[in-house]
Amino acid sequence: MTSTGDLAPPTAADTAADLRGRWLSSRRPKADTALDLYCFAHAGGSAGEFLRWSGGLPGVRLWAVKMPGRAPRQDEAPYRRMTELVDDLVSQVDFGERDFAFFGHSLGALVAFEVTRALRRAGRRQPRRLLLSSMQPPPITTSQNAHLLPGDELLAEVERRWGALPRAVHDDPELKDIVLGYFRADAELAETYTYVPEEPLDVPVTVFAGDEEERDQLGWHVHTTAECDVHVLRGGHFYFRDPEQQRELLRLAGHALNPRQ
């Protein structure tokens, strides 16, 4: 039997592995994966939604970035300032030694962009490519303060922007409070964001958008000296929830990540 006094103190590798597990989750990797794709969720969402895409991206291992304030980190305070979130992601998450890329939808695209800039400032490896979905490029000017709205008004604003939430959210006060907590924190994260100009990245960028929001996605090319391509798919903000459009998104993403295939 080993006493607690005989246990070796945690190493730097142990600490890094613990932090990686706290921030990231992934399904079982395939033997042939050569690229990691880290996914950042939209406001109120979970990046775990994107793990189901793994079968449509051969050679790619998908990782969900788990945000504090929602399951499985429900007991942690959510981030309300972009700089704090980005600083902690860069200081606490080891994105690994092999090639990687970032995918972010809506608010997640903005997080992915800022994390990439922070990695550059820290002198660390940057992603092979940024896949940015349904997010207008910085600078972003907004006078909205949805995060300050009372509960029912916030719920109405959420549904105005992104469509009706499930009936269960309306009928269960506890569930409604939890869901609105996600949206309130994420709205504050976005609405208090301030863009600080820097030199453009040298990372290629692929932009996706639904055809109902195409105009708002133009302009990402000013943030990179590398290639920047834009793909417009049929639908609104969550165009990829249509099976046909999801397949097209994955086809385009797969080509962008593995152009030789």
Protein backbone atom coordinates (compact mmCIF):
# COMPACT_ATOMS: atom_id res chain seq x y z
CA MET A 1 0.00 0.00 0.00
CA THR A 2 1.27 3.45 -0.85
CA SER A 3 0.72 6.23 1.64
CA THR A 4 -0.18 9.72 0.54
CA GLY A 5 3.23 10.82 1.67
CA ASP A 6 4.80 8.51 -0.92
CA LEU A 7 2.94 10.02 -3.86
CA ALA A 8 5.10 11.98 -6.25
CA PRO A 9 4.08 15.61 -6.75
CA PRO A 10 2.32 16.30 -10.03
CA THR A 11 4.64 17.08 -12.91
CA ALA A 12 4.19 19.84 -15.45
CA ALA A 13 2.97 17.19 -17.90
CA ASP A 14 0.38 15.97 -15.38
CA THR A 15 -0.89 19.50 -14.87
CA ALA A 16 -1.05 20.14 -18.63
CA ALA A 17 -2.97 16.90 -19.18
CA ASP A 18 -5.43 17.81 -16.42
CA LEU A 19 -6.04 21.25 -17.88
CA ARG A 20 -6.42 19.80 -21.37
CA GLY A 21 -9.05 17.36 -20.10
CA ARG A 22 -10.86 20.13 -18.30
CA TRP A 23 -11.07 22.31 -21.41
CA LEU A 24 -11.35 19.73 -24.19
CA SER A 25 -13.28 16.62 -25.07
CA SER A 26 -13.07 14.35 -28.09
CA ARG A 27 -14.49 11.10 -29.31
CA ARG A 28 -12.19 8.12 -29.71
CA PRO A 29 -9.52 9.03 -32.28
CA LYS A 30 -9.09 7.19 -35.54
CA ALA A 31 -5.73 5.65 -36.28
CA ASP A 32 -5.32 7.69 -39.45
CA THR A 33 -5.96 11.15 -38.04
CA ALA A 34 -3.18 13.63 -38.76
CA LEU A 35 -4.87 16.92 -37.88
CA ASP A 36 -6.68 18.21 -34.79
CA LEU A 37 -9.67 20.50 -35.31
CA TYR A 38 -10.68 22.48 -32.22
CA CYS A 39 -14.29 23.67 -32.26
CA PHE A 40 -15.62 26.76 -30.50
CA ALA A 41 -19.36 27.01 -29.92
CA HIS A 42 -21.89 29.69 -30.74
CA ALA A 43 -23.61 31.75 -28.04
CA GLY A 44 -25.59 29.55 -25.70
CA GLY A 45 -24.32 26.40 -27.39
CA SER A 46 -21.95 23.53 -26.75
CA ALA A 47 -19.05 22.70 -29.04
CA GLY A 48 -19.96 19.05 -28.44
CA GLU A 49 -22.52 19.56 -31.22
CA PHE A 50 -19.66 19.51 -33.70
CA LEU A 51 -18.15 16.22 -32.52
CA ARG A 52 -20.79 14.42 -34.57
CA TRP A 53 -19.08 15.73 -37.70
CA SER A 54 -16.03 13.51 -37.29
CA GLY A 55 -17.26 10.92 -39.78
CA GLY A 56 -17.47 13.60 -42.46
CA LEU A 57 -13.89 14.79 -42.02
CA PRO A 58 -11.49 11.92 -42.80
CA GLY A 59 -8.06 12.25 -41.25
CA VAL A 60 -9.26 14.85 -38.74
CA ARG A 61 -9.78 14.45 -35.00
CA LEU A 62 -12.39 16.85 -33.64
CA TRP A 63 -12.12 18.44 -30.22
CA ALA A 64 -14.85 20.36 -28.42
CA VAL A 65 -13.71 23.34 -26.35
CA LYS A 66 -15.68 23.08 -23.10
CA MET A 67 -16.72 26.44 -21.70
CA PRO A 68 -17.13 27.17 -17.98
CA GLY A 69 -20.65 27.83 -16.80
CA ARG A 70 -22.30 24.95 -18.68
CA ALA A 71 -22.23 21.18 -18.44
CA PRO A 72 -19.88 19.53 -17.64
CA ARG A 73 -18.43 22.72 -16.06
CA GLN A 74 -21.78 23.89 -14.78
CA ASP A 75 -20.46 24.84 -11.34
CA GLU A 76 -17.84 27.24 -12.70
CA ALA A 77 -18.49 30.91 -13.34
CA PRO A 78 -18.86 31.72 -17.04
CA TYR A 79 -16.56 34.18 -18.76
CA ARG A 80 -17.98 37.62 -19.38
CA ARG A 81 -14.92 39.31 -20.91
CA MET A 82 -13.21 38.15 -24.09
CA THR A 83 -9.70 39.05 -22.92
CA GLU A 84 -10.02 36.87 -19.82
CA LEU A 85 -11.32 33.91 -21.81
CA VAL A 86 -8.60 34.18 -24.45
CA ASP A 87 -5.81 34.65 -21.89
CA ASP A 88 -6.88 31.52 -20.01
CA LEU A 89 -7.27 29.43 -23.16
CA VAL A 90 -3.77 30.35 -24.31
CA SER A 91 -2.16 29.87 -20.88
CA GLN A 92 -4.01 26.68 -19.89
CA VAL A 93 -4.59 24.70 -23.09
CA ASP A 94 -1.85 22.84 -24.93
CA PHE A 95 -3.15 22.45 -28.47
CA GLY A 96 -0.63 19.70 -29.10
CA GLU A 97 2.46 19.14 -31.17
CA ARG A 98 0.91 18.12 -34.49
CA ASP A 99 -0.93 20.28 -37.01
CA PHE A 100 -4.19 21.77 -35.86
CA ALA A 101 -6.91 24.10 -37.07
CA PHE A 102 -9.76 26.05 -35.45
CA PHE A 103 -13.44 26.04 -36.32
CA GLY A 104 -15.80 28.53 -34.72
CA HIS A 105 -19.43 29.32 -35.35
CA SER A 106 -20.81 32.81 -34.61
CA LEU A 107 -19.37 33.90 -31.25
CA GLY A 108 -17.06 30.88 -31.44
CA ALA A 109 -15.53 32.27 -34.64
CA LEU A 110 -14.60 35.46 -32.82
CA VAL A 111 -13.05 33.44 -29.98
CA ALA A 112 -11.06 31.32 -32.47
CA PHE A 113 -9.77 34.46 -34.18
CA GLU A 114 -8.69 36.10 -30.93
CA VAL A 115 -7.05 32.91 -29.63
CA THR A 116 -5.04 32.71 -32.85
CA ARG A 117 -3.84 36.27 -32.42
CA ALA A 118 -2.95 35.58 -28.79
CA LEU A 119 -0.97 32.47 -29.76
CA ARG A 120 1.03 34.62 -32.17
CA ARG A 121 1.72 37.21 -29.47
CA ALA A 122 2.91 34.41 -27.18
CA GLY A 123 5.27 33.06 -29.84
CA ARG A 124 3.39 29.74 -30.03
CA ARG A 125 2.35 27.63 -32.98
CA GLN A 126 -0.70 28.91 -34.80
CA PRO A 127 -3.40 26.86 -36.48
CA ARG A 128 -2.93 25.64 -40.03
CA ARG A 129 -6.23 27.29 -40.96
CA LEU A 130 -9.12 29.20 -39.45
CA LEU A 131 -12.64 28.04 -40.37
CA LEU A 132 -14.97 30.89 -39.38
CA SER A 133 -18.72 30.51 -39.64
CA SER A 134 -21.50 33.11 -39.53
CA MET A 135 -19.54 35.89 -37.85
CA GLN A 136 -18.88 39.36 -39.15
CA PRO A 137 -15.22 40.41 -39.08
CA PRO A 138 -13.90 42.90 -36.52
CA PRO A 139 -14.15 45.72 -35.77
CA ILE A 140 -17.68 45.03 -34.59
CA THR A 141 -19.82 47.97 -33.58
CA THR A 142 -22.97 47.29 -31.59
CA SER A 143 -25.12 49.29 -29.25
CA GLN A 144 -27.01 46.20 -28.11
CA ASN A 145 -27.03 45.29 -24.46
CA ALA A 146 -29.09 42.12 -24.49
CA HIS A 147 -27.16 40.80 -21.49
CA LEU A 148 -28.82 43.49 -19.34
CA LEU A 149 -32.39 42.52 -20.26
CA PRO A 150 -34.72 40.91 -17.71
CA GLY A 151 -35.28 37.19 -18.17
CA ASP A 152 -38.41 37.15 -20.33
CA GLU A 153 -37.13 40.01 -22.49
CA LEU A 154 -33.81 38.23 -22.96
CA LEU A 155 -35.66 35.07 -23.96
CA ALA A 156 -37.68 37.02 -26.52
CA GLU A 157 -34.50 38.61 -27.92
CA VAL A 158 -32.75 35.24 -28.17
CA GLU A 159 -35.69 33.80 -30.11
CA ARG A 160 -35.88 36.87 -32.33
CA ARG A 161 -32.23 36.46 -33.30
CA TRP A 162 -31.93 32.69 -33.57
CA GLY A 163 -35.39 31.14 -33.59
CA ALA A 164 -37.66 29.48 -31.06
CA LEU A 165 -36.18 27.52 -28.18
CA PRO A 166 -37.69 24.13 -27.26
CA ARG A 167 -41.05 24.23 -25.50
CA ALA A 168 -39.45 22.58 -22.47
CA VAL A 169 -37.36 25.72 -21.87
CA HIS A 170 -40.52 27.81 -21.61
CA ASP A 171 -42.32 25.32 -19.40
CA ASP A 172 -39.57 24.57 -16.87
CA PRO A 173 -38.51 27.68 -14.85
CA GLU A 174 -35.31 26.02 -13.62
CA LEU A 175 -34.27 24.96 -17.11
CA LYS A 176 -35.15 28.41 -18.46
CA ASP A 177 -32.90 30.06 -15.87
CA ILE A 178 -30.02 27.74 -16.81
CA VAL A 179 -30.40 28.32 -20.54
CA LEU A 180 -30.76 32.09 -20.18
CA GLY A 181 -27.65 32.07 -17.99
CA TYR A 182 -25.69 30.68 -20.93
CA PHE A 183 -27.07 33.27 -23.30
CA ARG A 184 -26.61 36.18 -20.88
CA ALA A 185 -22.94 35.40 -20.26
CA ASP A 186 -22.22 34.87 -23.96
CA ALA A 187 -24.09 38.03 -24.93
CA GLU A 188 -21.99 40.00 -22.46
CA LEU A 189 -18.85 38.37 -23.85
CA ALA A 190 -19.78 39.59 -27.34
CA GLU A 191 -21.29 42.96 -26.45
CA THR A 192 -18.34 44.11 -24.35
CA TYR A 193 -15.75 42.90 -26.89
CA THR A 194 -13.36 45.55 -28.14
CA TYR A 195 -11.19 44.90 -31.17
CA VAL A 196 -7.54 45.96 -30.82
CA PRO A 197 -5.85 46.37 -34.24
CA GLU A 198 -2.77 44.26 -34.98
CA GLU A 199 -0.86 43.18 -38.05
CA PRO A 200 -2.85 40.69 -40.14
CA LEU A 201 -2.34 37.01 -39.48
CA ASP A 202 -0.49 34.83 -41.98
CA VAL A 203 -2.99 32.00 -41.42
CA PRO A 204 -5.36 31.02 -44.28
CA VAL A 205 -9.02 31.70 -43.53
CA THR A 206 -12.11 29.91 -44.80
CA VAL A 207 -15.40 31.70 -44.15
CA PHE A 208 -18.83 30.04 -44.17
CA ALA A 209 -22.21 31.74 -44.03
CA GLY A 210 -25.86 31.08 -44.70
CA ASP A 211 -27.21 32.92 -47.72
CA GLU A 212 -29.49 34.98 -45.48
CA GLU A 213 -26.45 36.59 -43.83
CA GLU A 214 -23.90 36.67 -46.65
CA ARG A 215 -23.40 40.45 -46.63
CA ASP A 216 -22.29 40.50 -42.98
CA GLN A 217 -19.48 37.97 -43.51
CA LEU A 218 -17.48 39.88 -46.10
CA GLY A 219 -14.23 41.51 -45.07
CA TRP A 220 -12.33 38.76 -43.27
CA HIS A 221 -9.60 39.01 -45.93
CA VAL A 222 -8.21 42.15 -44.24
CA HIS A 223 -7.22 40.02 -41.23
CA THR A 224 -4.84 37.71 -43.10
CA THR A 225 -2.03 37.98 -45.61
CA ALA A 226 -2.76 34.40 -46.68
CA GLU A 227 -5.66 33.18 -48.78
CA CYS A 228 -9.21 33.90 -47.67
CA ASP A 229 -12.12 32.15 -49.32
CA VAL A 230 -15.85 32.59 -48.64
CA HIS A 231 -18.52 29.93 -49.08
CA VAL A 232 -22.21 30.76 -48.91
CA LEU A 233 -24.62 27.91 -48.20
CA ARG A 234 -28.37 27.88 -48.28
CA GLY A 235 -30.12 28.84 -45.05
CA GLY A 236 -29.94 31.17 -42.08
CA HIS A 237 -27.63 31.41 -39.11
CA PHE A 238 -27.68 27.65 -38.45
CA TYR A 239 -27.54 26.60 -42.10
CA PHE A 240 -25.55 23.47 -41.23
CA ARG A 241 -28.44 21.93 -39.29
CA ASP A 242 -29.93 21.07 -42.66
CA PRO A 243 -28.42 17.64 -43.54
CA GLU A 244 -27.69 18.61 -47.13
CA GLN A 245 -25.98 21.86 -46.15
CA GLN A 246 -24.04 20.11 -43.40
CA ARG A 247 -22.66 17.64 -45.94
CA GLU A 248 -21.64 20.51 -48.19
CA LEU A 249 -19.99 22.33 -45.28
CA LEU A 250 -17.99 19.23 -44.38
CA ARG A 251 -16.98 18.69 -48.01
CA LEU A 252 -15.68 22.24 -48.26
CA ALA A 253 -14.04 22.12 -44.84
CA GLY A 254 -12.36 18.83 -45.64
CA HIS A 255 -10.93 20.24 -48.86
CA ALA A 256 -9.69 23.36 -47.03
CA LEU A 257 -8.00 21.28 -44.33
CA ASN A 258 -6.60 18.62 -46.68
CA PRO A 259 -6.33 20.24 -50.12
CA ARG A 260 -4.34 17.31 -51.52
CA GLN A 261 -7.19 14.86 -50.98
